[in-house]
Amino acid sequence: MKKRNSKKSEVMAGRAKCESLQFQAEWGAKKLGVEVSDVVRQRIGEEIMVLCNMGLVEAVLALKDTVEGIKGQFSLNPEGVSGALEGSMVAYCVGILDKNPMDSDEVINPNVLSAPCMVKLKFDNDVRNQVVEWMREKDYGEVKTMLGKPVLKLKNMIVEFGRVMRE
């Protein structure tokens, strides 16, 4: 009996996180001045369904909090985001991406979404190491070095901190 209640609690918690992300994405779209039309609402809904089915909602919410923390502490946005969330309307609406994917007809590619999901945030070389050190101090997650690059390990997501290459 306890096992069934535990499983039911897990399902309810997962559903609540999906609904929270849906709300935050729609709220974020409004704050960004994006008209939440039926097309936008459908796109957000479809992406949320994919993220929920892949078990990535918790990681997206944690990444959102991480990026918000970086913006608050350093007053800067990542200068580029690549990887599995590229083209994601949800990631744009919650503040992970700074470019509206609908402006360039980009879409999230569900074929590259897998656990663990790979995302790369790019920062100017002058601040990248400061950002990583700050994240270690604030305990945003497990920050390690992988192949000489700092990475943040979240549940079902690995975030690499890359450098912006300047000419």
Foldseek 3Di string as FASTA:
>chain_A
DVVVVVVVVVVVVLVVLLVVLLVQLVVLCVVVVHPCDPVNSVLSVVVSVLCSVQVNSQVLVLLLVLQVVCCVPVVDGQPDKDFQCVLRSSCCSSPNDVDRSVVVVRHGDSVRQHFLGEMEGEDAPVCLVVSLVVCVVVCSADWDADPNWIWGDDGRYIYTYHYDDDD
